[in-house]
Every structure is written in C-alpha cells, then in structure tokens.
Protein backbone atom coordinates (compact mmCIF):
# COMPACT_ATOMS: atom_id res chain seq x y z
CA MET A 1 -16.30 -9.23 -10.14
CA ASN A 2 -17.34 -6.06 -11.87
CA SER A 3 -16.45 -3.43 -9.38
CA ILE A 4 -14.55 -3.62 -6.11
CA LYS A 5 -14.72 -1.98 -2.71
CA ILE A 6 -11.15 -1.34 -0.99
CA ILE A 7 -9.85 0.16 2.11
CA LEU A 8 -6.75 2.16 1.61
CA THR A 9 -4.34 3.28 4.17
CA GLY A 10 -1.73 6.09 3.87
CA ALA A 11 -3.87 8.63 2.02
CA THR A 12 -2.06 11.59 3.55
CA GLY A 13 1.23 10.47 2.45
CA MET A 14 2.62 10.50 -1.14
CA VAL A 15 2.20 6.92 -2.34
CA GLY A 16 -1.34 6.54 -0.59
CA GLU A 17 -2.60 9.79 -2.04
CA GLY A 18 -1.55 8.86 -5.49
CA VAL A 19 -2.97 5.50 -5.21
CA LEU A 20 -6.43 6.94 -3.90
CA MET A 21 -6.44 9.58 -6.77
CA GLU A 22 -6.21 6.71 -9.07
CA CYS A 23 -8.96 4.69 -7.38
CA LEU A 24 -11.38 7.56 -7.14
CA GLU A 25 -11.05 7.91 -11.06
CA ASN A 26 -11.17 4.36 -11.84
CA PRO A 27 -14.49 2.91 -12.90
CA ASN A 28 -13.72 -0.62 -11.43
CA ILE A 29 -13.78 0.82 -7.69
CA SER A 30 -17.21 1.57 -6.35
CA GLU A 31 -16.18 2.38 -2.69
CA ILE A 32 -13.13 3.43 -0.94
CA LEU A 33 -12.54 3.55 2.90
CA SER A 34 -9.72 5.64 3.83
CA VAL A 35 -8.40 4.53 7.26
CA SER A 36 -6.01 7.34 8.58
CA ARG A 37 -4.73 9.12 11.63
CA LYS A 38 -5.87 12.48 10.16
CA PRO A 39 -8.45 13.44 7.26
CA SER A 40 -7.17 13.32 3.66
CA GLY A 41 -8.73 16.46 2.71
CA LYS A 42 -10.40 14.93 -0.26
CA LYS A 43 -14.05 14.73 -0.97
CA HIS A 44 -15.55 12.27 -3.47
CA ALA A 45 -18.83 10.32 -3.62
CA LYS A 46 -17.09 7.09 -3.66
CA LEU A 47 -14.96 8.04 -0.56
CA LYS A 48 -15.46 7.29 3.06
CA GLU A 49 -13.07 8.20 5.97
CA TYR A 50 -12.36 6.34 9.19
CA ILE A 51 -10.04 8.31 11.42
CA VAL A 52 -8.04 6.00 13.87
CA SER A 53 -5.47 7.70 16.17
CA ASP A 54 -3.46 4.29 16.84
CA PHE A 55 -3.74 1.55 14.45
CA LEU A 56 -2.60 -0.87 17.10
CA LYS A 57 -5.67 0.03 19.19
CA ILE A 58 -7.93 -1.13 16.49
CA ASP A 59 -10.49 -3.64 17.69
CA LEU A 60 -9.61 -6.93 16.01
CA ASN A 61 -13.40 -7.38 15.39
CA ASP A 62 -14.19 -3.91 14.21
CA GLU A 63 -17.10 -4.05 11.96
CA ASN A 64 -16.18 -0.85 10.01
CA PHE A 65 -14.00 -2.95 7.90
CA LYS A 66 -16.96 -5.47 6.77
CA GLY A 67 -17.87 -5.69 3.30
CA TYR A 68 -14.66 -4.96 1.58
CA ASP A 69 -12.94 -6.93 -1.26
CA ALA A 70 -9.36 -5.65 -0.75
CA VAL A 71 -6.90 -3.76 1.25
CA PHE A 72 -4.33 -1.35 -0.47
CA PHE A 73 -1.96 -0.80 2.37
CA CYS A 74 0.13 2.17 1.38
CA ALA A 75 1.21 3.42 4.78
CA GLY A 76 4.75 3.57 5.64
CA ILE A 77 7.56 5.46 7.25
CA SER A 78 11.37 6.04 6.48
CA SER A 79 13.65 4.10 8.69
CA VAL A 80 16.25 6.87 8.99
CA GLY A 81 16.94 7.73 12.55
CA MET A 82 14.90 4.83 13.94
CA SER A 83 16.12 1.79 16.04
CA GLU A 84 15.09 -1.58 14.76
CA GLU A 85 12.47 -1.96 17.51
CA GLU A 86 10.79 1.51 16.72
CA TYR A 87 10.65 0.74 13.05
CA THR A 88 9.54 -2.85 13.89
CA LYS A 89 6.67 -1.55 15.78
CA ILE A 90 5.50 0.97 13.14
CA THR A 91 6.15 -1.35 10.16
CA TYR A 92 5.52 -4.90 11.37
CA ASP A 93 3.38 -4.85 14.39
CA THR A 94 0.99 -2.14 12.91
CA THR A 95 0.58 -3.60 9.45
CA LEU A 96 -0.14 -7.32 10.97
CA HIS A 97 -2.63 -6.05 13.58
CA PHE A 98 -4.46 -4.11 10.84
CA ALA A 99 -4.23 -7.05 8.50
CA LYS A 100 -5.83 -9.34 11.17
CA ALA A 101 -8.73 -6.93 11.80
CA VAL A 102 -9.61 -6.75 8.09
CA LEU A 103 -9.35 -10.47 7.41
CA ASN A 104 -11.62 -11.14 10.43
CA GLN A 105 -14.42 -9.23 8.69
CA ASN A 106 -13.57 -10.17 4.90
CA PRO A 107 -12.17 -13.96 4.86
CA ASP A 108 -12.00 -13.85 0.99
CA MET A 109 -10.11 -10.53 0.90
CA VAL A 110 -6.85 -9.76 -1.34
CA PHE A 111 -4.18 -7.78 0.81
CA ASN A 112 -1.92 -5.34 -1.40
CA TYR A 113 1.16 -4.33 0.88
CA VAL A 114 3.32 -1.53 -0.42
CA SER A 115 6.92 -2.91 0.39
CA GLY A 116 10.18 -1.55 -1.24
CA ALA A 117 12.85 -2.39 -3.65
CA HIS A 118 15.50 -4.69 -2.19
CA THR A 119 13.39 -5.80 0.64
CA ASP A 120 15.07 -8.93 2.13
CA LYS A 121 12.74 -11.99 2.50
CA THR A 122 15.42 -13.98 4.19
CA GLU A 123 15.11 -11.38 7.23
CA SER A 124 18.76 -11.82 7.89
CA GLY A 125 20.62 -9.22 5.76
CA LYS A 126 22.47 -6.02 6.82
CA MET A 127 19.92 -3.50 5.97
CA MET A 128 17.64 -3.13 8.95
CA TRP A 129 14.67 -1.78 7.06
CA ALA A 130 14.90 -4.60 4.54
CA ARG A 131 14.86 -7.22 7.11
CA VAL A 132 11.80 -5.85 8.97
CA LYS A 133 10.11 -5.18 5.39
CA GLY A 134 10.95 -8.88 4.62
CA ARG A 135 9.52 -10.17 7.75
CA THR A 136 6.29 -8.28 7.24
CA GLU A 137 5.95 -9.61 3.69
CA ASN A 138 6.49 -13.34 4.81
CA ALA A 139 4.11 -12.89 7.75
CA LEU A 140 1.31 -11.33 5.52
CA ARG A 141 1.41 -14.18 3.04
CA LYS A 142 0.89 -16.67 5.95
CA LEU A 143 -2.32 -14.99 7.31
CA GLY A 144 -4.76 -16.79 5.01
CA PHE A 145 -6.08 -13.85 2.79
CA ARG A 146 -7.32 -15.15 -0.79
CA ALA A 147 -4.09 -13.44 -2.05
CA ALA A 148 -1.47 -11.21 -0.62
CA TYR A 149 0.67 -9.25 -2.90
CA ASN A 150 3.84 -7.45 -1.82
CA PHE A 151 4.55 -4.34 -4.26
CA ARG A 152 8.29 -3.63 -4.42
CA PRO A 153 8.30 -0.15 -6.20
CA GLY A 154 11.34 1.90 -6.89
CA PHE A 155 11.06 5.64 -7.80
CA MET A 156 7.66 6.60 -8.04
CA LYS A 157 6.36 9.69 -9.95
CA PRO A 158 3.45 11.25 -8.23
CA VAL A 159 -0.01 11.63 -9.90
CA GLU A 160 -0.79 15.13 -11.30
CA GLY A 161 -2.33 17.31 -8.73
CA GLN A 162 -0.94 15.50 -5.69
CA GLU A 163 -0.48 17.60 -2.72
CA ASN A 164 1.66 15.30 -0.48
CA VAL A 165 4.99 15.58 -2.12
CA LYS A 166 8.19 16.39 -0.04
CA TRP A 167 9.89 19.78 -1.46
CA PHE A 168 13.12 17.65 -1.76
CA PHE A 169 11.39 15.01 -3.82
CA LYS A 170 10.12 17.40 -6.38
CA PRO A 171 13.50 18.00 -8.44
CA LEU A 172 13.74 14.34 -8.86
CA ILE A 173 10.31 13.91 -10.48
CA TRP A 174 11.59 14.65 -13.80
CA ILE A 175 15.24 13.66 -13.91
CA PHE A 176 15.02 10.21 -12.24
CA PRO A 177 12.67 8.49 -14.87
CA VAL A 178 14.91 9.69 -17.65
CA LEU A 179 18.29 8.64 -16.10
CA LEU A 180 16.97 5.31 -14.75
CA PRO A 181 13.80 4.25 -16.54
CA SER A 182 14.10 0.61 -15.31
CA LYS A 183 13.86 1.69 -11.52
CA SER A 184 11.01 4.18 -11.96
CA LEU A 185 7.20 3.91 -11.97
CA THR A 186 4.50 6.27 -11.89
CA LEU A 187 1.83 6.08 -9.03
CA HIS A 188 -0.71 5.89 -11.92
CA GLU A 189 0.92 2.46 -12.75
CA VAL A 190 1.02 1.36 -9.21
CA GLY A 191 -2.60 2.23 -8.51
CA ILE A 192 -3.73 0.26 -11.77
CA ALA A 193 -1.65 -2.82 -10.84
CA MET A 194 -3.13 -2.90 -7.36
CA ILE A 195 -6.59 -2.98 -8.84
CA ASN A 196 -5.71 -5.24 -11.40
CA ALA A 197 -4.12 -7.71 -8.82
CA VAL A 198 -7.61 -7.85 -7.37
CA LEU A 199 -9.47 -8.28 -10.36
CA LYS A 200 -7.14 -10.71 -12.44
CA GLY A 201 -4.57 -11.93 -9.89
CA TYR A 202 -1.03 -12.53 -10.55
CA PRO A 203 1.46 -15.41 -10.80
CA THR A 204 3.61 -14.26 -7.93
CA SER A 205 3.17 -12.76 -4.56
CA THR A 206 6.02 -10.52 -4.91
CA LEU A 207 5.94 -7.90 -7.61
CA GLU A 208 9.19 -6.09 -8.38
CA ILE A 209 9.16 -3.06 -10.85
CA LYS A 210 8.72 -4.90 -13.98
CA ASP A 211 5.87 -6.87 -12.58
CA ILE A 212 3.96 -3.75 -11.50
CA LYS A 213 4.44 -2.21 -14.90
CA ASN A 214 3.00 -5.64 -16.49
CA LEU A 215 0.00 -5.65 -14.27
CA ALA A 216 -0.82 -1.89 -14.97
CA ILE A 217 -1.21 -2.56 -18.75
C-alpha cells in the first residue's frame, strides 16, 4: 500500500484539526474526506468535505464513503455537565452508526478511534465517560474491520498553526509537556501514528501514550 485514502471526522475540533493538518502534509495520504457538521475552513488539493448535519441520520449505505482505506475518528465531546444518556448518544451511538456506514462501503477498512487515557474497558467503573468510551472501544473491535485501533492519548500539544485551540488550553501547551512528559504527546505524533497503524499495523488494538509514541517513529 503506497498511499492511502482516509475519512476523517472532527476537523473543526483541536484533535481532528491537528491530525488533518498532518495528513495534508504527509506524502502517504493521497485523499482525505472530512466529514463534519460545518466546513473546516481549509483548502487543499487532497481535501474533500462532506457536510452532515446529524451523524445519526447518515444512510448506512451512503456511497460517499466508498473507496477509502481508513477512518480517523477524531470527533468527540467533553462529558462535563452531561447525563450518561446524553453522552452515550453522542459518543457511542454516533460513533457506531458512522462506523457501520463506512464499513458497509469498505469491508477491508481500518478504523482508528480517538478514545482517552484511563478509558474503562470493563465498562463498569465509577467514571461515566470512561465507561461509555470503553463500551465504544469494545463495540468497534467487534464490527469486523480489518483492524480497529483505539488511541488513548493524554495531553496533546497542537500542531503549529492550528486555529481550533481553546483559550484556556493555550497556557498549558508549553508547561504540561515539561512537567509531565510521560503523559504528553504532540498531535503530530498522533497523526503519524494513525497513518502508520494503517500502513504497518500494530500488535495491540489499544494504544496507550507509549504505544502512540512508538508507532509515530
């Protein structure tokens, strides 16, 4: 596989934007379909955009997804202030519906899902968000993708030039990696690791920070 075509979600958020910027510059990526609720604002010869108002209403036989090698699912939302039912709808239901739609068009596809550090694969811990993320990870592994990788990053330093970085996050960008380097990554590393997961594979389906760093080399 010399070059790959990917579908990316979350381009208007910090993680998705950083991964998108890496993919736009990476010679191993030949085409990107950004699926989002609003335009990313970026223009590039490799980039196509598919605007979808509600991911849960995507047709499970949507042929716009046909002909791609992988999904980089970077869309997500904080659980702060949300009930478990609300968070499950956005995090679990939406992700699984989208995964089924892309898999229907590409049976040999790889699915890379941005989860989170301390996600609970037992689905029974005290932290609501960790249970829901764990349930999502487990379900994705069972769908039948060629490979489904769950990326569990910690603090992620944005790529230079990113626009979608919250104001309260900016003071931490330089401090956190110095104080806690083992819990820190760059979005450049996350993007490279996602690409390499498709091109090279990885021995485990759950990638913690050290795994992401290893795969980004």
